[in-house]
Amino acid sequence: MPVNYHTPTPAKLFPVAGVRLGVAEAGIRKLDRRDLTLLALDVGSRVAGVFTGNRFCAAPVQVCRRHLELGSDLRALVINTGIANAGTGEPGWQVATDTCVAVAQLLGVADRQVLPFSTGVILEPLPVDRLIAGLPHCVADLRADNWHAAAHAIMTTDTVAKAASRRVQIDGKSVTITGISKGAGMIRPNMATMLGFIATDAGIATPLLQQLLREAADESFNCISVDGDTSTNDSFILIATGQAGIECADASAPAYAALREAVIAVALELAQAIIRDGEGASKFIAIAVQGGQEREECKRVGYAIAHSPLVKTAFFASDPNLGRILAAIGYADVEDLDVERVRVWLGGADSEVLVADKGGRSVSYREDDGVRIMREEEITVRVDLGRGTARATVYTCDLSYDYVRINADYRS
């Protein structure tokens, strides 16, 4: 079960003017499950995307990049789960382009205005005939209030659907931001999330939209790790339909600061939901690193701790073997780190204890306190590097027996 997370009800996921969603059971890998999703966008919508840094990036990622290079006037997104269409070579590229052509014909748009996305098993062919056969059902199901169904239809090993929504008042107008994401394993984004889609009815100029997307990714999906693996299919998309009556041409626009804050809040909620639903996770862990010379330095330390199997298994066992955290900090490639100045705290819901300072265990630390905090479902590790003012927070989960079981049985 996910750590303190429940999918929002349909009523709490606000429609975004200019976006309609439809889902279908296409039988792409398994029968009797929703596995195909279509987003139809009104004319005038702008779209930005960031994608995986994995060199074995999937065919749909390659097609998405190409179509975005041709313009931001996208009209549709199509998402399948079950088969990732990754490691499939030229046939995989053809399947992705055939998918775009089929969507374009149904919606009366150009195929370059369609973005395809896939998630699931790598190195297996995507049955495009089943996908295309399911598309008319998606079109018939297109509705503005279908975010809840879409969140379920993009799941793979997720145990819960992940969604978030905000309505904010900006310059006297109501602006909506709604998004969905999927992911539970193979999580160490190198640009964004496994699959994430956020839409707003605000108007945002294309260059600013791409900037906002990268900033949102950096503050959210690029700060999470379940297992340190970067997927072949990671994609994060931001859509601005411009139907709320607010237009941001650049970052100096009066409405932009509030809009940016709301978009990043939705992205962070979606990213944290992925960690809370990490495969086999029983604990949600925030690693807050401060006192660095630059933010990237702080993130390296955070990720060193988050990726360590020894640290993660200690959290699963509620075993305060906290020297493992010091070891991870020490190999995080921080040049000229003075360990005498490093301090580490362990925090729970109601308290925080100093674990290490002056190069070793704090004289005030008691193991009973460490055990008590590590038994909690939500834990914070706070690290002060003592060498600057930069800070960053990385989110992770523990590593349990179930992680091995889920991934051993993934294709069964």
Protein backbone atom coordinates (compact mmCIF):
# COMPACT_ATOMS: atom_id res chain seq x y z
CA MET A 1 0.00 0.00 0.00
CA PRO A 2 1.25 3.52 -0.71
CA VAL A 3 2.61 5.58 2.17
CA ASN A 4 -0.08 8.07 3.23
CA TYR A 5 -1.42 8.62 -0.29
CA HIS A 6 -4.89 8.23 -1.77
CA THR A 7 -5.97 9.04 -5.31
CA PRO A 8 -8.09 12.21 -5.37
CA THR A 9 -11.74 11.61 -6.14
CA PRO A 10 -13.01 12.57 -9.62
CA ALA A 11 -14.70 15.66 -8.15
CA LYS A 12 -11.34 16.94 -6.88
CA LEU A 13 -9.72 16.78 -10.32
CA PHE A 14 -10.85 19.96 -12.05
CA PRO A 15 -11.41 20.00 -15.81
CA VAL A 16 -9.02 22.19 -17.80
CA ALA A 17 -10.78 24.16 -20.51
CA GLY A 18 -9.40 23.05 -23.87
CA VAL A 19 -8.48 19.50 -22.82
CA ARG A 20 -10.63 16.39 -23.25
CA LEU A 21 -9.59 12.86 -22.26
CA GLY A 22 -10.79 9.42 -23.32
CA VAL A 23 -9.74 5.92 -22.27
CA ALA A 24 -10.25 2.43 -23.64
CA GLU A 25 -9.45 -1.25 -23.07
CA ALA A 26 -7.28 -2.12 -26.06
CA GLY A 27 -5.86 -5.42 -24.77
CA ILE A 28 -2.32 -4.26 -25.50
CA ARG A 29 -0.77 -6.66 -22.98
CA LYS A 30 -3.54 -7.77 -20.66
CA LEU A 31 -7.28 -8.10 -21.11
CA ASP A 32 -9.95 -6.34 -19.09
CA ARG A 33 -7.95 -3.29 -18.11
CA ARG A 34 -7.89 0.29 -19.32
CA ASP A 35 -4.58 0.66 -21.14
CA LEU A 36 -5.08 3.35 -23.79
CA THR A 37 -5.57 7.07 -23.20
CA LEU A 38 -6.16 9.94 -25.61
CA LEU A 39 -5.92 13.66 -24.82
CA ALA A 40 -7.47 15.99 -27.39
CA LEU A 41 -6.40 19.64 -27.25
CA ASP A 42 -8.25 22.65 -28.62
CA VAL A 43 -6.75 24.88 -31.28
CA GLY A 44 -4.38 27.41 -29.72
CA SER A 45 -2.98 25.09 -27.06
CA ARG A 46 0.78 25.15 -26.56
CA VAL A 47 2.79 22.13 -25.47
CA ALA A 48 6.30 21.68 -24.07
CA GLY A 49 8.12 18.46 -23.18
CA VAL A 50 11.23 17.08 -21.51
CA PHE A 51 12.34 13.49 -21.90
CA THR A 52 14.63 10.76 -20.62
CA GLY A 53 18.39 11.08 -20.74
CA ASN A 54 18.69 7.32 -21.36
CA ARG A 55 20.54 6.69 -24.65
CA PHE A 56 18.23 3.72 -25.29
CA CYS A 57 15.27 6.09 -25.36
CA ALA A 58 12.05 4.56 -26.63
CA ALA A 59 10.65 5.09 -30.13
CA PRO A 60 7.74 7.26 -28.88
CA VAL A 61 10.23 9.54 -27.10
CA GLN A 62 12.11 9.97 -30.37
CA VAL A 63 8.90 10.77 -32.25
CA CYS A 64 7.76 13.21 -29.55
CA ARG A 65 11.03 15.10 -29.74
CA ARG A 66 10.74 15.30 -33.52
CA HIS A 67 7.15 16.55 -33.47
CA LEU A 68 7.92 19.16 -30.83
CA GLU A 69 10.81 20.41 -32.96
CA LEU A 70 8.29 21.00 -35.73
CA GLY A 71 6.11 23.26 -33.57
CA SER A 72 4.21 23.60 -30.31
CA ASP A 73 0.72 23.62 -31.88
CA LEU A 74 0.02 20.06 -30.77
CA ARG A 75 -3.53 18.76 -30.84
CA ALA A 76 -3.37 15.31 -29.25
CA LEU A 77 -1.47 12.99 -26.92
CA VAL A 78 -1.89 9.22 -27.04
CA ILE A 79 -0.62 7.00 -24.21
CA ASN A 80 -0.50 3.22 -23.98
CA THR A 81 0.53 1.07 -21.07
CA GLY A 82 1.69 -2.55 -21.04
CA ILE A 83 4.39 -2.37 -23.71
CA ALA A 84 7.06 0.37 -23.69
CA ASN A 85 7.98 0.21 -27.41
CA ALA A 86 11.62 0.58 -26.30
CA GLY A 87 14.54 -1.38 -27.66
CA THR A 88 12.46 -2.06 -30.77
CA GLY A 89 14.59 -0.35 -33.44
CA GLU A 90 13.13 0.85 -36.74
CA PRO A 91 9.93 -1.22 -36.41
CA GLY A 92 9.25 0.55 -33.11
CA TRP A 93 9.67 3.95 -34.76
CA GLN A 94 7.20 2.89 -37.46
CA VAL A 95 4.67 1.77 -34.86
CA ALA A 96 4.92 5.12 -33.07
CA THR A 97 4.46 7.07 -36.31
CA ASP A 98 1.58 4.81 -37.41
CA THR A 99 -0.08 5.55 -34.09
CA CYS A 100 0.19 9.28 -34.74
CA VAL A 101 -1.27 8.89 -38.22
CA ALA A 102 -4.24 6.92 -36.86
CA VAL A 103 -4.98 9.53 -34.19
CA ALA A 104 -4.62 12.36 -36.69
CA GLN A 105 -7.13 10.76 -39.06
CA LEU A 106 -9.68 10.32 -36.29
CA LEU A 107 -9.34 13.91 -35.03
CA GLY A 108 -8.80 15.66 -38.37
CA VAL A 109 -5.37 17.03 -37.52
CA ALA A 110 -1.85 16.57 -38.92
CA ASP A 111 0.15 13.57 -37.68
CA ARG A 112 2.97 15.93 -36.58
CA GLN A 113 0.43 17.43 -34.14
CA VAL A 114 0.19 14.15 -32.22
CA LEU A 115 2.57 13.04 -29.45
CA PRO A 116 2.79 9.28 -28.65
CA PHE A 117 3.77 7.84 -25.26
CA SER A 118 4.29 4.23 -24.15
CA THR A 119 5.13 2.55 -20.86
CA GLY A 120 5.55 -1.05 -19.80
CA VAL A 121 7.80 -3.95 -20.78
CA ILE A 122 10.97 -3.07 -22.73
CA LEU A 123 12.28 -5.09 -25.72
CA GLU A 124 8.86 -6.36 -26.80
CA PRO A 125 6.94 -5.27 -29.92
CA LEU A 126 3.91 -3.05 -29.40
CA PRO A 127 0.77 -4.58 -31.01
CA VAL A 128 -0.15 -1.49 -32.99
CA ASP A 129 -3.21 -3.17 -34.52
CA ARG A 130 -4.80 -3.49 -31.07
CA LEU A 131 -3.82 0.07 -30.22
CA ILE A 132 -5.33 1.50 -33.39
CA ALA A 133 -8.46 -0.59 -32.94
CA GLY A 134 -8.91 0.93 -29.48
CA LEU A 135 -8.58 4.55 -30.58
CA PRO A 136 -12.20 5.03 -31.75
CA HIS A 137 -13.33 3.97 -28.26
CA CYS A 138 -11.06 6.65 -26.79
CA VAL A 139 -12.54 9.25 -29.13
CA ALA A 140 -16.08 8.25 -28.16
CA ASP A 141 -15.10 8.61 -24.48
CA LEU A 142 -13.53 12.10 -24.78
CA ARG A 143 -14.68 14.27 -21.87
CA ALA A 144 -13.25 17.23 -20.01
CA ASP A 145 -13.88 15.56 -16.63
CA ASN A 146 -12.08 12.31 -17.41
CA TRP A 147 -8.80 12.94 -15.56
CA HIS A 148 -9.55 10.31 -12.91
CA ALA A 149 -10.06 7.55 -15.51
CA ALA A 150 -6.94 8.65 -17.41
CA ALA A 151 -4.83 8.47 -14.25
CA HIS A 152 -5.84 4.83 -13.87
CA ALA A 153 -5.36 3.99 -17.54
CA ILE A 154 -1.65 4.97 -17.60
CA MET A 155 -0.65 2.76 -14.63
CA THR A 156 1.78 -0.17 -14.82
CA THR A 157 3.04 -1.54 -11.48
CA ASP A 158 1.47 1.41 -9.66
CA THR A 159 -0.87 0.32 -6.88
CA VAL A 160 -2.79 3.61 -7.02
CA ALA A 161 -3.48 6.21 -9.67
CA LYS A 162 -1.66 9.51 -9.20
CA ALA A 163 -3.31 12.86 -9.84
CA ALA A 164 -3.33 16.42 -8.53
CA SER A 165 -5.33 19.57 -9.20
CA ARG A 166 -5.40 23.23 -8.18
CA ARG A 167 -7.65 26.22 -8.79
CA VAL A 168 -6.05 29.55 -8.02
CA GLN A 169 -7.19 33.13 -8.37
CA ILE A 170 -4.73 35.17 -10.43
CA ASP A 171 -5.46 38.77 -11.40
CA GLY A 172 -9.12 38.22 -10.59
CA LYS A 173 -9.44 35.17 -12.85
CA SER A 174 -9.77 31.50 -11.94
CA VAL A 175 -6.89 29.42 -13.29
CA THR A 176 -6.90 25.62 -13.24
CA ILE A 177 -3.90 23.27 -13.16
CA THR A 178 -4.53 19.52 -13.28
CA GLY A 179 -2.10 16.67 -13.83
CA ILE A 180 -1.56 12.93 -13.72
CA SER A 181 1.56 10.77 -13.48
CA LYS A 182 2.56 7.13 -13.35
CA GLY A 183 5.55 5.38 -11.89
CA ALA A 184 6.52 3.06 -9.08
CA GLY A 185 9.75 1.40 -10.19
CA MET A 186 12.69 2.16 -12.50
CA ILE A 187 12.57 5.60 -10.91
CA ARG A 188 15.53 7.94 -11.03
CA PRO A 189 14.41 10.57 -13.49
CA ASN A 190 17.15 12.27 -15.47
CA MET A 191 14.88 15.02 -16.77
CA ALA A 192 11.37 14.51 -15.46
CA THR A 193 9.08 11.69 -14.42
CA MET A 194 8.31 8.28 -15.83
CA LEU A 195 5.17 9.67 -17.43
CA GLY A 196 3.71 12.95 -16.29
CA PHE A 197 1.16 15.27 -17.88
CA ILE A 198 0.06 18.64 -16.51
CA ALA A 199 -2.37 21.02 -18.16
CA THR A 200 -3.42 24.57 -17.33
CA ASP A 201 -5.96 26.88 -18.93
CA ALA A 202 -3.57 29.83 -18.53
CA GLY A 203 -1.87 31.19 -21.63
CA ILE A 204 1.92 30.82 -21.63
CA ALA A 205 4.20 31.73 -24.52
CA THR A 206 6.07 28.71 -25.88
CA PRO A 207 9.61 29.71 -24.76
CA LEU A 208 8.33 30.50 -21.27
CA LEU A 209 6.32 27.28 -21.20
CA GLN A 210 9.47 25.25 -21.89
CA GLN A 211 11.35 27.20 -19.21
CA LEU A 212 8.57 26.62 -16.68
CA LEU A 213 8.49 22.92 -17.53
CA ARG A 214 12.21 22.52 -16.91
CA GLU A 215 12.00 24.45 -13.64
CA ALA A 216 9.03 22.36 -12.50
CA ALA A 217 10.87 19.14 -13.41
CA ASP A 218 13.96 20.29 -11.53
CA GLU A 219 11.93 21.06 -8.41
CA SER A 220 9.90 17.84 -8.48
CA PHE A 221 10.52 14.85 -10.73
CA ASN A 222 14.26 15.43 -10.86
CA CYS A 223 14.30 15.19 -7.06
CA ILE A 224 12.95 11.66 -6.63
CA SER A 225 14.40 8.16 -6.63
CA VAL A 226 12.93 4.74 -5.92
CA ASP A 227 15.77 2.55 -7.16
CA GLY A 228 18.23 4.72 -9.07
CA ASP A 229 17.23 3.41 -12.53
CA THR A 230 16.49 5.90 -15.33
CA SER A 231 13.74 4.59 -17.62
CA THR A 232 13.89 4.53 -21.42
CA ASN A 233 10.48 6.21 -21.63
CA ASP A 234 10.52 9.07 -19.10
CA SER A 235 8.42 11.96 -20.38
CA PHE A 236 6.97 15.08 -18.76
CA ILE A 237 4.57 17.29 -20.68
CA LEU A 238 3.12 20.70 -19.85
CA ILE A 239 0.09 21.98 -21.75
CA ALA A 240 -1.23 25.56 -21.73
CA THR A 241 -4.59 26.03 -23.46
CA GLY A 242 -4.88 29.81 -22.95
CA GLN A 243 -8.62 29.71 -22.20
CA ALA A 244 -8.55 31.28 -18.72
CA GLY A 245 -8.10 34.81 -20.02
CA ILE A 246 -4.54 35.18 -18.68
CA GLU A 247 -1.53 35.37 -20.96
CA CYS A 248 2.10 35.28 -19.81
CA ALA A 249 4.49 36.37 -22.53
CA ASP A 250 7.56 36.27 -20.31
CA ALA A 251 8.58 35.79 -16.69
CA SER A 252 7.95 39.46 -15.88
CA ALA A 253 4.21 39.11 -16.55
CA PRO A 254 2.24 40.05 -13.39
CA ALA A 255 0.44 36.70 -13.28
CA TYR A 256 3.47 34.51 -13.84
CA ALA A 257 4.89 34.20 -10.31
CA ALA A 258 1.63 32.83 -8.89
CA LEU A 259 1.11 30.59 -11.90
CA ARG A 260 4.64 29.21 -11.65
CA GLU A 261 4.17 28.44 -7.96
CA ALA A 262 0.92 26.56 -8.63
CA VAL A 263 2.35 24.50 -11.52
CA ILE A 264 5.39 23.50 -9.45
CA ALA A 265 3.12 22.57 -6.53
CA VAL A 266 1.13 20.20 -8.74
CA ALA A 267 4.33 18.70 -10.18
CA LEU A 268 5.77 18.16 -6.69
CA GLU A 269 2.58 16.49 -5.48
CA LEU A 270 2.67 14.11 -8.46
CA ALA A 271 6.36 13.37 -7.97
CA GLN A 272 5.96 12.65 -4.27
CA ALA A 273 3.00 10.38 -5.04
CA ILE A 274 5.36 8.24 -7.14
CA ILE A 275 7.70 7.84 -4.17
CA ARG A 276 4.85 7.11 -1.78
CA ASP A 277 3.82 4.33 -4.16
CA GLY A 278 7.36 3.07 -4.81
CA GLU A 279 7.41 -0.66 -5.44
CA GLY A 280 7.25 -2.30 -2.03
CA ALA A 281 7.66 1.02 -0.19
CA SER A 282 6.67 1.24 3.46
CA LYS A 283 8.33 4.59 4.25
CA PHE A 284 8.54 8.01 2.60
CA ILE A 285 11.90 9.67 3.16
CA ALA A 286 12.85 13.30 2.51
CA ILE A 287 16.59 14.02 2.34
CA ALA A 288 17.11 17.74 2.88
CA VAL A 289 20.67 18.86 2.18
CA GLN A 290 21.77 22.38 3.06
CA GLY A 291 25.01 24.30 3.41
CA GLY A 292 26.34 23.42 -0.02
CA GLN A 293 28.28 25.66 -2.37
CA GLU A 294 25.73 25.06 -5.15
CA ARG A 295 22.38 23.33 -5.52
CA GLU A 296 23.69 20.53 -7.73
CA GLU A 297 26.23 19.66 -5.04
CA CYS A 298 23.41 19.30 -2.53
CA LYS A 299 21.45 17.11 -4.93
CA ARG A 300 24.46 14.84 -5.45
CA VAL A 301 24.64 14.27 -1.72
CA GLY A 302 20.89 13.72 -1.51
CA TYR A 303 20.94 11.19 -4.32
CA ALA A 304 23.96 9.37 -2.88
CA ILE A 305 21.93 8.73 0.26
CA ALA A 306 18.71 8.00 -1.65
CA HIS A 307 20.37 5.47 -3.98
CA SER A 308 22.24 3.52 -1.31
CA PRO A 309 20.74 0.02 -0.91
CA LEU A 310 22.34 -0.15 2.53
CA VAL A 311 20.65 3.05 3.65
CA LYS A 312 17.31 2.06 2.13
CA THR A 313 17.27 -1.42 3.68
CA ALA A 314 18.18 0.05 7.07
CA PHE A 315 15.12 2.28 6.84
CA PHE A 316 12.96 -0.71 5.90
CA ALA A 317 14.19 -2.57 8.99
CA SER A 318 13.91 0.53 11.24
CA ASP A 319 17.56 -0.12 12.05
CA PRO A 320 19.45 3.08 12.97
CA ASN A 321 22.64 1.92 11.28
CA LEU A 322 23.21 5.56 10.44
CA GLY A 323 26.89 5.31 9.64
CA ARG A 324 25.64 4.23 6.21
CA ILE A 325 24.40 7.78 5.69
CA LEU A 326 27.83 9.21 6.51
CA ALA A 327 29.43 6.75 4.08
CA ALA A 328 27.07 7.90 1.30
CA ILE A 329 27.84 11.56 1.98
CA GLY A 330 31.53 10.73 1.83
CA TYR A 331 31.39 9.19 -1.65
CA ALA A 332 29.02 11.81 -3.13
CA ASP A 333 31.87 13.48 -5.04
CA VAL A 334 31.88 16.75 -3.10
CA GLU A 335 35.30 18.23 -3.70
CA ASP A 336 37.26 19.22 -0.57
CA LEU A 337 34.45 18.27 1.79
CA ASP A 338 35.43 19.00 5.39
CA VAL A 339 33.76 16.19 7.33
CA GLU A 340 34.40 18.01 10.61
CA ARG A 341 31.80 20.57 9.53
CA VAL A 342 29.14 18.11 8.37
CA ARG A 343 26.12 17.62 10.61
CA VAL A 344 23.30 15.06 10.17
CA TRP A 345 19.87 15.01 11.81
CA LEU A 346 17.12 12.39 11.76
CA GLY A 347 13.60 13.73 12.03
CA GLY A 348 10.09 12.36 12.42
CA ALA A 349 6.67 13.90 12.81
CA ASP A 350 7.30 15.47 16.20
CA SER A 351 11.04 15.58 16.79
CA GLU A 352 14.51 15.78 15.29
CA VAL A 353 17.73 14.40 16.73
CA LEU A 354 21.34 15.30 15.91
CA VAL A 355 23.02 12.09 14.79
CA ALA A 356 26.48 13.19 13.69
CA ASP A 357 28.75 16.23 13.96
CA LYS A 358 32.46 17.04 14.19
CA GLY A 359 33.34 14.05 12.06
CA GLY A 360 31.51 11.40 14.09
CA ARG A 361 28.56 10.43 16.24
CA SER A 362 27.03 13.27 18.22
CA VAL A 363 27.56 12.98 21.96
CA SER A 364 23.86 13.79 22.45
CA TYR A 365 22.59 11.01 20.16
CA ARG A 366 20.80 8.05 21.72
CA GLU A 367 20.04 4.97 19.63
CA ASP A 368 16.58 4.66 21.21
CA ASP A 369 15.73 8.00 19.60
CA GLY A 370 16.95 6.74 16.23
CA VAL A 371 14.86 3.58 16.49
CA ARG A 372 11.76 5.57 17.46
CA ILE A 373 12.04 7.90 14.48
CA MET A 374 12.91 5.16 11.99
CA ARG A 375 9.73 3.30 12.89
CA GLU A 376 7.66 6.19 11.54
CA GLU A 377 6.18 6.12 8.03
CA GLU A 378 7.55 9.56 7.10
CA ILE A 379 11.15 10.43 7.94
CA THR A 380 13.45 13.35 7.18
CA VAL A 381 17.22 13.10 6.92
CA ARG A 382 18.70 16.60 7.21
CA VAL A 383 22.32 17.18 6.24
CA ASP A 384 24.31 20.40 6.66
CA LEU A 385 27.53 20.37 4.62
CA GLY A 386 28.78 23.51 6.34
CA ARG A 387 30.31 25.08 3.23
CA GLY A 388 27.75 27.46 1.71
CA THR A 389 24.12 28.55 1.47
CA ALA A 390 22.74 26.29 -1.28
CA ARG A 391 20.12 23.65 -0.50
CA ALA A 392 18.07 20.91 -2.18
CA THR A 393 15.68 18.16 -1.15
CA VAL A 394 15.53 14.67 -2.64
CA TYR A 395 12.66 12.25 -1.96
CA THR A 396 12.98 8.47 -1.76
CA CYS A 397 11.54 5.38 -0.10
CA ASP A 398 12.86 2.31 1.65
CA LEU A 399 13.85 -0.91 -0.13
CA SER A 400 11.80 -3.91 0.92
CA TYR A 401 11.39 -7.60 0.14
CA ASP A 402 8.40 -6.69 -2.01
CA TYR A 403 10.56 -4.62 -4.37
CA VAL A 404 12.43 -7.78 -5.35
CA ARG A 405 9.22 -9.81 -5.62
CA ILE A 406 7.42 -7.23 -7.78
CA ASN A 407 10.31 -6.88 -10.21
CA ALA A 408 11.04 -10.60 -10.31
CA ASP A 409 7.41 -11.23 -11.31
CA TYR A 410 6.98 -8.15 -13.53
CA ARG A 411 6.50 -9.99 -16.83
CA SER A 412 4.54 -12.91 -15.36
